[in-house]
Amino acid sequence: MIRHCLTLDLKNNAESIKAYDDWHAKVWPHVIHNMISCGIREMQIYRINTRLFMIIEVDTSFSFEKKASLESSNKKVQEWNALMLEFQEPLSYAKPGEKWVLMNKIFDLNQ
């Protein structure tokens, strides 16, 4: 499996942060199905204050382009993404339209 780590910020609002956490306790089935369909096998999201950290483990069929294509053709996933965007604050160094930013691995104990 291949691992990708991504980061994103939330808007600095306690009620909004709680709502974001609550939504992630009950992610819509269409969204879960879409993740699996694009090759994501494991996903965790961690949060400290407004900073989010997502780890995804993917199989060899995964690509970010495939994920974007599947998301763009699924109205429920588009609806979910629009809802989540209400809570999210793009990082200052994100490209235009980019939400989650791919992180670079700089250390690995096992290498």
C-alpha atoms as a PDB file:
ATOM      1  CA  MET A   1       0.000   0.000   0.000  1.00  0.00           C
ATOM      2  CA  ILE A   2       1.031   3.554  -0.665  1.00  0.00           C
ATOM      3  CA  ARG A   3       0.514   6.216   2.013  1.00  0.00           C
ATOM      4  CA  HIS A   4      -0.269   9.877   1.410  1.00  0.00           C
ATOM      5  CA  CYS A   5      -0.477  12.527   4.128  1.00  0.00           C
ATOM      6  CA  LEU A   6      -2.397  15.744   3.581  1.00  0.00           C
ATOM      7  CA  THR A   7      -3.229  18.800   5.641  1.00  0.00           C
ATOM      8  CA  LEU A   8      -5.878  21.501   5.746  1.00  0.00           C
ATOM      9  CA  ASP A   9      -7.158  24.069   8.227  1.00  0.00           C
ATOM     10  CA  LEU A  10     -10.617  24.690   9.576  1.00  0.00           C
ATOM     11  CA  LYS A  11     -12.117  28.108  10.129  1.00  0.00           C
ATOM     12  CA  ASN A  12     -11.322  29.278  13.639  1.00  0.00           C
ATOM     13  CA  ASN A  13     -14.816  29.013  15.104  1.00  0.00           C
ATOM     14  CA  ALA A  14     -15.600  26.604  17.962  1.00  0.00           C
ATOM     15  CA  GLU A  15     -19.164  25.862  16.803  1.00  0.00           C
ATOM     16  CA  SER A  16     -18.008  25.260  13.244  1.00  0.00           C
ATOM     17  CA  ILE A  17     -15.208  22.955  14.396  1.00  0.00           C
ATOM     18  CA  LYS A  18     -17.647  20.930  16.506  1.00  0.00           C
ATOM     19  CA  ALA A  19     -20.025  20.658  13.546  1.00  0.00           C
ATOM     20  CA  TYR A  20     -17.163  19.462  11.321  1.00  0.00           C
ATOM     21  CA  ASP A  21     -16.230  16.806  13.885  1.00  0.00           C
ATOM     22  CA  ASP A  22     -19.899  15.777  14.164  1.00  0.00           C
ATOM     23  CA  TRP A  23     -20.276  15.411  10.389  1.00  0.00           C
ATOM     24  CA  HIS A  24     -17.240  13.135  10.335  1.00  0.00           C
ATOM     25  CA  ALA A  25     -18.840  10.864  12.918  1.00  0.00           C
ATOM     26  CA  LYS A  26     -21.468  10.045  10.265  1.00  0.00           C
ATOM     27  CA  VAL A  27     -19.887  10.370   6.820  1.00  0.00           C
ATOM     28  CA  TRP A  28     -22.436   9.727   4.086  1.00  0.00           C
ATOM     29  CA  PRO A  29     -22.372   6.226   2.514  1.00  0.00           C
ATOM     30  CA  HIS A  30     -21.989   7.715  -0.999  1.00  0.00           C
ATOM     31  CA  VAL A  31     -18.790   9.420   0.116  1.00  0.00           C
ATOM     32  CA  ILE A  32     -17.397   6.222   1.667  1.00  0.00           C
ATOM     33  CA  HIS A  33     -18.276   4.235  -1.464  1.00  0.00           C
ATOM     34  CA  ASN A  34     -16.564   6.834  -3.669  1.00  0.00           C
ATOM     35  CA  MET A  35     -13.374   6.646  -1.555  1.00  0.00           C
ATOM     36  CA  ILE A  36     -13.255   2.868  -1.877  1.00  0.00           C
ATOM     37  CA  SER A  37     -14.019   3.031  -5.618  1.00  0.00           C
ATOM     38  CA  CYS A  38     -11.029   5.279  -6.293  1.00  0.00           C
ATOM     39  CA  GLY A  39      -8.602   2.950  -4.497  1.00  0.00           C
ATOM     40  CA  ILE A  40      -8.490   4.325  -0.960  1.00  0.00           C
ATOM     41  CA  ARG A  41      -8.188   1.394   1.452  1.00  0.00           C
ATOM     42  CA  GLU A  42      -7.569   3.235   4.731  1.00  0.00           C
ATOM     43  CA  MET A  43      -8.202   6.816   5.810  1.00  0.00           C
ATOM     44  CA  GLN A  44      -7.875   8.652   9.092  1.00  0.00           C
ATOM     45  CA  ILE A  45      -8.281  12.344   9.836  1.00  0.00           C
ATOM     46  CA  TYR A  46      -6.748  13.868  12.959  1.00  0.00           C
ATOM     47  CA  ARG A  47      -7.364  17.354  14.296  1.00  0.00           C
ATOM     48  CA  ILE A  48      -5.570  19.664  16.707  1.00  0.00           C
ATOM     49  CA  ASN A  49      -7.373  22.963  17.129  1.00  0.00           C
ATOM     50  CA  THR A  50      -7.946  24.143  13.537  1.00  0.00           C
ATOM     51  CA  ARG A  51      -5.294  21.977  11.841  1.00  0.00           C
ATOM     52  CA  LEU A  52      -6.380  18.771  10.123  1.00  0.00           C
ATOM     53  CA  PHE A  53      -4.061  15.910   9.163  1.00  0.00           C
ATOM     54  CA  MET A  54      -5.307  13.148   6.866  1.00  0.00           C
ATOM     55  CA  ILE A  55      -3.573   9.847   6.201  1.00  0.00           C
ATOM     56  CA  ILE A  56      -4.744   7.752   3.278  1.00  0.00           C
ATOM     57  CA  GLU A  57      -3.437   4.362   2.291  1.00  0.00           C
ATOM     58  CA  VAL A  58      -4.192   3.467  -1.294  1.00  0.00           C
ATOM     59  CA  ASP A  59      -3.837   0.537  -3.646  1.00  0.00           C
ATOM     60  CA  THR A  60      -2.101   0.692  -7.023  1.00  0.00           C
ATOM     61  CA  SER A  61      -5.319   1.688  -8.833  1.00  0.00           C
ATOM     62  CA  PHE A  62      -5.433   5.020  -6.959  1.00  0.00           C
ATOM     63  CA  SER A  63      -4.529   8.384  -8.438  1.00  0.00           C
ATOM     64  CA  PHE A  64      -5.566  11.858  -7.381  1.00  0.00           C
ATOM     65  CA  GLU A  65      -6.854  12.382 -10.939  1.00  0.00           C
ATOM     66  CA  LYS A  66      -9.078   9.280 -10.701  1.00  0.00           C
ATOM     67  CA  LYS A  67     -10.365  10.463  -7.320  1.00  0.00           C
ATOM     68  CA  ALA A  68     -11.191  13.919  -8.720  1.00  0.00           C
ATOM     69  CA  SER A  69     -12.928  12.381 -11.741  1.00  0.00           C
ATOM     70  CA  LEU A  70     -15.097  10.081  -9.624  1.00  0.00           C
ATOM     71  CA  GLU A  71     -15.948  12.932  -7.254  1.00  0.00           C
ATOM     72  CA  SER A  72     -16.942  15.246 -10.107  1.00  0.00           C
ATOM     73  CA  SER A  73     -19.380  12.670 -11.489  1.00  0.00           C
ATOM     74  CA  ASN A  74     -21.095  11.956  -8.148  1.00  0.00           C
ATOM     75  CA  LYS A  75     -23.656  14.570  -7.063  1.00  0.00           C
ATOM     76  CA  LYS A  76     -23.787  13.344  -3.443  1.00  0.00           C
ATOM     77  CA  VAL A  77     -19.999  13.581  -3.121  1.00  0.00           C
ATOM     78  CA  GLN A  78     -20.110  17.064  -4.660  1.00  0.00           C
ATOM     79  CA  GLU A  79     -22.789  17.987  -2.115  1.00  0.00           C
ATOM     80  CA  TRP A  80     -20.634  16.629   0.740  1.00  0.00           C
ATOM     81  CA  ASN A  81     -17.569  18.512  -0.511  1.00  0.00           C
ATOM     82  CA  ALA A  82     -19.559  21.746  -0.753  1.00  0.00           C
ATOM     83  CA  LEU A  83     -20.835  21.242   2.792  1.00  0.00           C
ATOM     84  CA  MET A  84     -17.317  20.569   4.125  1.00  0.00           C
ATOM     85  CA  LEU A  85     -15.993  23.647   2.322  1.00  0.00           C
ATOM     86  CA  GLU A  86     -18.185  25.770   4.613  1.00  0.00           C
ATOM     87  CA  PHE A  87     -15.949  24.708   7.519  1.00  0.00           C
ATOM     88  CA  GLN A  88     -12.581  24.607   5.791  1.00  0.00           C
ATOM     89  CA  GLU A  89      -9.966  27.332   5.444  1.00  0.00           C
ATOM     90  CA  PRO A  90      -7.448  26.742   2.640  1.00  0.00           C
ATOM     91  CA  LEU A  91      -3.810  27.003   3.656  1.00  0.00           C
ATOM     92  CA  SER A  92      -2.073  30.216   2.626  1.00  0.00           C
ATOM     93  CA  TYR A  93       0.289  28.289   0.325  1.00  0.00           C
ATOM     94  CA  ALA A  94      -2.409  26.132  -1.313  1.00  0.00           C
ATOM     95  CA  LYS A  95      -2.863  26.442  -5.057  1.00  0.00           C
ATOM     96  CA  PRO A  96      -6.075  28.128  -6.228  1.00  0.00           C
ATOM     97  CA  GLY A  97      -8.974  25.718  -5.671  1.00  0.00           C
ATOM     98  CA  GLU A  98      -6.809  23.314  -3.646  1.00  0.00           C
ATOM     99  CA  LYS A  99      -8.170  22.220  -0.281  1.00  0.00           C
ATOM    100  CA  TRP A 100      -6.138  19.344   1.114  1.00  0.00           C
ATOM    101  CA  VAL A 101      -2.405  19.875   0.521  1.00  0.00           C
ATOM    102  CA  LEU A 102      -0.143  16.870   0.027  1.00  0.00           C
ATOM    103  CA  MET A 103       2.665  16.771   2.582  1.00  0.00           C
ATOM    104  CA  ASN A 104       6.258  15.694   1.924  1.00  0.00           C
ATOM    105  CA  LYS A 105       7.707  12.883   4.000  1.00  0.00           C
ATOM    106  CA  ILE A 106      10.942  14.090   5.572  1.00  0.00           C
ATOM    107  CA  PHE A 107      11.699  11.217   7.958  1.00  0.00           C
ATOM    108  CA  ASP A 108      11.026   7.503   8.225  1.00  0.00           C
ATOM    109  CA  LEU A 109      12.351   5.492  11.188  1.00  0.00           C
ATOM    110  CA  ASN A 110      12.407   2.343   9.058  1.00  0.00           C
ATOM    111  CA  GLN A 111      14.475   3.719   6.181  1.00  0.00           C
END
